[in-house]
């Protein structure tokens, strides 16, 4: 059986692609035929991801990128255009999290989470959209969270940033629709196979008063389909939204939560 390659020779950028969900998305896009720019703050992990993409016979650039810095983002976009001449897909994946009781949240922590999770999406999207508008084509996909639709215990800053991304997604979708640009968000459930969840296991273990190995079990109890969200579950939706099969979808925030959130 011949496998259909859905995104042959499309040019994509994935932020935070050095590890976790971002890396999984970058590798999947390459499998679907994309050339991939790995925009990552850690040069070592960025190059490792880029090397794996090249092993799939796809071109890849590893670009040191701070999504909170307009100059850094601009250089990343300029390097992409210089190499490939266009940008078809942007996946805003870079993100951070910290679980803290509301009264314990330090202002610096609050600002950092908002800067990475929300301002980073704004800066990257704006820089890339300037080129997509000229092309009259583009797909912007924001990796968000179920925490963008319902507040979470000890997650005030994170939830605020993720609620903000949904509002930004809808506004960008309206502004950019006349230029043939689709803007959507994906709201995954708990993706355990990531460094972010390794961090949260320890934080929640202390706060919940249970051993780390029991933390995940507590969260799985809330999922109707009875398992965690996997990176491949998120990547599947990214590929769909990046393809022409989703050409009539924009401004959406799609749940990938195993039924945990149905709004």
Protein backbone atom coordinates (compact mmCIF):
# COMPACT_ATOMS: atom_id res chain seq x y z
CA UNK A 1 0.00 0.00 0.00
CA UNK A 2 1.38 3.40 -1.04
CA UNK A 3 1.52 5.89 1.84
CA UNK A 4 0.10 9.31 1.06
CA UNK A 5 2.48 12.16 1.92
CA UNK A 6 0.20 15.08 2.77
CA UNK A 7 2.60 18.03 3.08
CA UNK A 8 5.19 17.40 0.40
CA UNK A 9 7.87 20.11 0.30
CA UNK A 10 5.96 22.50 2.56
CA UNK A 11 8.17 24.82 4.62
CA UNK A 12 7.41 24.70 8.33
CA UNK A 13 8.69 26.32 11.52
CA UNK A 14 8.19 24.65 14.89
CA UNK A 15 9.13 26.59 18.03
CA UNK A 16 10.38 24.71 21.06
CA UNK A 17 11.14 21.73 18.84
CA UNK A 18 14.19 20.52 20.74
CA UNK A 19 12.23 18.17 22.97
CA UNK A 20 8.81 16.91 24.00
CA UNK A 21 5.73 17.76 21.96
CA UNK A 22 7.62 20.17 19.72
CA UNK A 23 10.16 17.56 18.70
CA UNK A 24 7.42 15.04 18.02
CA UNK A 25 5.58 17.52 15.83
CA UNK A 26 8.73 18.46 13.91
CA UNK A 27 9.57 14.83 13.18
CA UNK A 28 6.00 14.09 12.12
CA UNK A 29 5.91 17.06 9.76
CA UNK A 30 9.13 15.81 8.19
CA UNK A 31 7.55 12.39 7.77
CA UNK A 32 4.66 14.08 5.96
CA UNK A 33 7.10 15.72 3.53
CA UNK A 34 7.89 19.06 5.18
CA UNK A 35 11.21 20.78 5.41
CA UNK A 36 11.42 21.93 9.02
CA UNK A 37 13.02 24.86 10.81
CA UNK A 38 13.72 23.92 14.43
CA UNK A 39 13.38 27.16 16.43
CA UNK A 40 14.72 26.39 19.88
CA UNK A 41 16.47 28.12 22.77
CA UNK A 42 18.75 25.14 23.47
CA UNK A 43 21.26 24.77 20.59
CA UNK A 44 22.16 21.17 21.45
CA UNK A 45 18.63 19.79 21.42
CA UNK A 46 17.79 21.91 18.38
CA UNK A 47 20.58 20.37 16.35
CA UNK A 48 19.67 16.86 17.48
CA UNK A 49 16.12 17.31 16.23
CA UNK A 50 17.36 18.84 12.98
CA UNK A 51 19.73 15.90 12.47
CA UNK A 52 16.88 13.42 12.90
CA UNK A 53 14.85 15.35 10.34
CA UNK A 54 17.71 15.21 7.84
CA UNK A 55 17.84 11.47 8.33
CA UNK A 56 14.34 11.44 6.85
CA UNK A 57 15.80 13.13 3.75
CA UNK A 58 14.14 16.43 4.55
CA UNK A 59 16.01 19.72 4.89
CA UNK A 60 16.23 21.30 8.32
CA UNK A 61 17.69 24.37 9.99
CA UNK A 62 18.36 24.55 13.72
CA UNK A 63 18.03 28.20 14.72
CA UNK A 64 18.69 29.52 18.21
CA UNK A 65 15.48 31.41 18.98
CA UNK A 66 14.13 33.25 22.00
CA UNK A 67 10.41 33.56 21.24
CA UNK A 68 10.09 36.42 23.77
CA UNK A 69 12.59 38.59 21.89
CA UNK A 70 11.41 40.38 18.75
CA UNK A 71 14.93 40.65 17.31
CA UNK A 72 15.62 36.93 17.82
CA UNK A 73 12.30 35.98 16.24
CA UNK A 74 12.97 38.30 13.32
CA UNK A 75 16.34 36.73 12.64
CA UNK A 76 14.79 33.26 12.74
CA UNK A 77 12.17 34.24 10.18
CA UNK A 78 14.71 36.00 7.95
CA UNK A 79 16.97 32.92 8.01
CA UNK A 80 14.03 30.75 7.01
CA UNK A 81 13.12 32.99 4.10
CA UNK A 82 16.76 33.20 2.99
CA UNK A 83 17.00 29.41 2.92
CA UNK A 84 13.59 28.40 1.59
CA UNK A 85 12.00 31.52 0.12
CA UNK A 86 8.66 31.09 1.89
CA UNK A 87 6.93 29.85 5.04
CA UNK A 88 3.87 27.65 4.72
CA UNK A 89 3.33 26.45 8.29
CA UNK A 90 4.09 27.91 11.71
CA UNK A 91 3.59 25.77 14.81
CA UNK A 92 3.80 27.86 17.98
CA UNK A 93 4.74 25.21 20.52
CA UNK A 94 7.28 26.79 22.89
CA UNK A 95 5.89 26.97 26.41
CA UNK A 96 6.66 26.79 30.13
CA UNK A 97 4.66 25.97 33.26
CA UNK A 98 4.89 26.38 37.02
CA UNK A 99 2.45 25.04 39.60
CA UNK A 100 2.06 27.43 42.54
CA UNK A 101 -0.64 28.48 44.98
CA UNK A 102 -1.96 31.84 43.79
CA UNK A 103 -0.62 33.82 46.78
CA UNK A 104 2.85 32.33 46.25
CA UNK A 105 3.21 33.30 42.58
CA UNK A 106 6.16 35.64 42.18
CA UNK A 107 5.71 38.51 39.73
CA UNK A 108 8.81 37.45 37.80
CA UNK A 109 7.37 33.93 37.36
CA UNK A 110 4.05 35.39 36.23
CA UNK A 111 5.72 37.64 33.67
CA UNK A 112 7.98 34.89 32.34
CA UNK A 113 5.09 32.48 31.76
CA UNK A 114 3.03 35.15 30.01
CA UNK A 115 6.02 36.21 27.91
CA UNK A 116 6.86 32.72 26.67
CA UNK A 117 3.37 31.26 26.32
CA UNK A 118 1.45 34.28 25.04
CA UNK A 119 3.81 37.02 23.90
CA UNK A 120 5.93 34.38 22.15
CA UNK A 121 2.92 33.30 20.09
CA UNK A 122 2.19 36.93 19.22
CA UNK A 123 5.76 37.76 18.17
CA UNK A 124 6.31 34.62 16.09
CA UNK A 125 2.90 34.80 14.45
CA UNK A 126 3.23 38.46 13.57
CA UNK A 127 6.69 38.03 12.07
CA UNK A 128 5.67 35.00 10.02
CA UNK A 129 2.29 36.39 9.00
CA UNK A 130 3.96 39.35 7.29
CA UNK A 131 5.31 36.87 4.73
CA UNK A 132 2.19 34.72 4.63
CA UNK A 133 0.11 37.81 3.76
CA UNK A 134 2.33 38.39 0.73
CA UNK A 135 1.96 34.73 -0.25
CA UNK A 136 -1.83 34.81 0.26
CA UNK A 137 -1.40 31.49 2.03
CA UNK A 138 -0.37 30.06 5.37
CA UNK A 139 -1.22 27.83 8.33
CA UNK A 140 -0.61 29.01 11.89
CA UNK A 141 -1.15 26.37 14.56
CA UNK A 142 -0.91 27.23 18.24
CA UNK A 143 -0.20 24.39 20.65
CA UNK A 144 -2.31 25.42 23.60
CA UNK A 145 -3.78 23.36 26.48
CA UNK A 146 -7.00 22.20 28.09
CA UNK A 147 -5.96 24.79 30.70
CA UNK A 148 -6.91 27.42 28.12
CA UNK A 149 -10.57 26.50 28.58
CA UNK A 150 -10.87 25.78 32.29
CA UNK A 151 -8.90 27.18 35.20
CA UNK A 152 -6.64 24.73 37.02
CA UNK A 153 -5.57 24.42 40.64
CA UNK A 154 -2.17 26.10 41.24
CA UNK A 155 -1.97 27.14 37.58
CA UNK A 156 -3.06 30.78 37.59
CA UNK A 157 -0.29 32.16 35.38
CA UNK A 158 -0.30 29.18 33.03
CA UNK A 159 -4.07 29.24 32.59
CA UNK A 160 -4.07 33.00 32.03
CA UNK A 161 -1.50 32.59 29.27
CA UNK A 162 -3.41 29.75 27.63
CA UNK A 163 -6.80 31.48 27.80
CA UNK A 164 -5.02 34.40 26.14
CA UNK A 165 -3.76 32.23 23.29
CA UNK A 166 -7.31 31.18 22.44
CA UNK A 167 -8.44 34.80 22.25
CA UNK A 168 -5.40 35.68 20.16
CA UNK A 169 -6.06 32.71 17.88
CA UNK A 170 -9.60 33.88 17.19
CA UNK A 171 -8.55 37.48 16.56
CA UNK A 172 -5.69 36.48 14.25
CA UNK A 173 -8.04 34.17 12.36
CA UNK A 174 -10.41 37.06 11.66
CA UNK A 175 -7.65 39.51 10.70
CA UNK A 176 -5.80 37.08 8.44
CA UNK A 177 -8.70 35.24 6.78
CA UNK A 178 -8.82 37.64 3.78
CA UNK A 179 -5.24 36.63 3.00
CA UNK A 180 -5.86 32.89 2.85
CA UNK A 181 -4.28 32.21 6.24
CA UNK A 182 -5.83 29.66 8.61
CA UNK A 183 -5.17 30.12 12.33
CA UNK A 184 -6.15 27.39 14.79
CA UNK A 185 -5.19 26.10 18.22
CA UNK A 186 -4.88 22.61 19.68
CA UNK A 187 -5.72 22.01 23.34
CA UNK A 188 -4.09 18.76 24.48
CA UNK A 189 -4.78 16.99 27.73
CA UNK A 190 -2.01 15.69 29.98
CA UNK A 191 0.96 14.64 27.83
CA UNK A 192 3.07 12.62 30.26
CA UNK A 193 5.95 11.79 27.90
CA UNK A 194 7.51 15.26 28.18
CA UNK A 195 10.06 17.06 30.37
CA UNK A 196 7.28 19.46 31.39
CA UNK A 197 5.31 16.66 33.02
CA UNK A 198 8.43 15.27 34.66
CA UNK A 199 8.69 18.67 36.37
CA UNK A 200 4.99 18.73 37.30
CA UNK A 201 5.14 15.21 38.75
CA UNK A 202 7.52 16.48 41.42
CA UNK A 203 5.58 19.67 42.10
CA UNK A 204 2.19 17.92 42.29
CA UNK A 205 3.63 15.12 44.42
CA UNK A 206 4.43 17.63 47.15
CA UNK A 207 1.17 19.53 46.83
CA UNK A 208 -1.07 16.44 46.66
CA UNK A 209 0.85 14.57 49.34
CA UNK A 210 1.26 11.41 47.27
CA UNK A 211 4.30 9.68 45.72
CA UNK A 212 5.23 10.89 42.22
CA UNK A 213 4.14 7.60 40.66
CA UNK A 214 0.60 8.19 41.94
CA UNK A 215 0.30 11.68 40.48
CA UNK A 216 -0.36 10.48 36.95
CA UNK A 217 -2.87 7.90 38.14
CA UNK A 218 -4.89 10.69 39.75
CA UNK A 219 -5.02 12.59 36.49
CA UNK A 220 -5.88 9.51 34.42
CA UNK A 221 -8.92 8.94 36.61
CA UNK A 222 -10.43 12.08 35.08
CA UNK A 223 -10.05 10.92 31.45
CA UNK A 224 -13.08 9.09 29.97
CA UNK A 225 -10.95 7.25 27.40
CA UNK A 226 -8.70 6.03 30.21
CA UNK A 227 -5.26 6.96 28.94
CA UNK A 228 -2.92 9.92 28.72
CA UNK A 229 -2.65 12.20 25.71
CA UNK A 230 0.28 11.10 23.54
CA UNK A 231 2.53 13.25 21.43
CA UNK A 232 1.29 11.43 18.34
CA UNK A 233 -2.29 12.42 19.22
CA UNK A 234 -1.27 16.07 19.05
CA UNK A 235 0.85 15.59 15.91
CA UNK A 236 -2.08 13.94 14.13
CA UNK A 237 -4.17 17.07 14.56
CA UNK A 238 -1.26 19.33 13.57
CA UNK A 239 -0.92 17.47 10.27
CA UNK A 240 -4.66 17.74 9.62
CA UNK A 241 -4.75 21.49 10.35
CA UNK A 242 -1.65 22.04 8.19
CA UNK A 243 -3.20 20.19 5.27
CA UNK A 244 -5.76 21.37 2.73
CA UNK A 245 -8.28 19.04 4.34
CA UNK A 246 -8.69 21.75 6.99
CA UNK A 247 -8.84 24.67 4.56
CA UNK A 248 -12.32 25.67 5.77
CA UNK A 249 -11.36 25.70 9.45
CA UNK A 250 -10.07 28.78 11.21
CA UNK A 251 -10.30 30.31 14.67
CA UNK A 252 -10.83 26.93 16.32
CA UNK A 253 -9.42 25.57 19.59
CA UNK A 254 -9.59 21.80 19.20
CA UNK A 255 -9.63 19.57 22.27
CA UNK A 256 -7.38 16.50 22.29
CA UNK A 257 -8.22 15.41 25.83
CA UNK A 258 -9.73 11.93 25.64
CA UNK A 259 -13.09 13.41 26.57
CA UNK A 260 -11.85 15.20 29.67
CA UNK A 261 -12.94 18.51 28.19
CA UNK A 262 -15.75 18.65 25.63
CA UNK A 263 -16.21 22.39 25.11
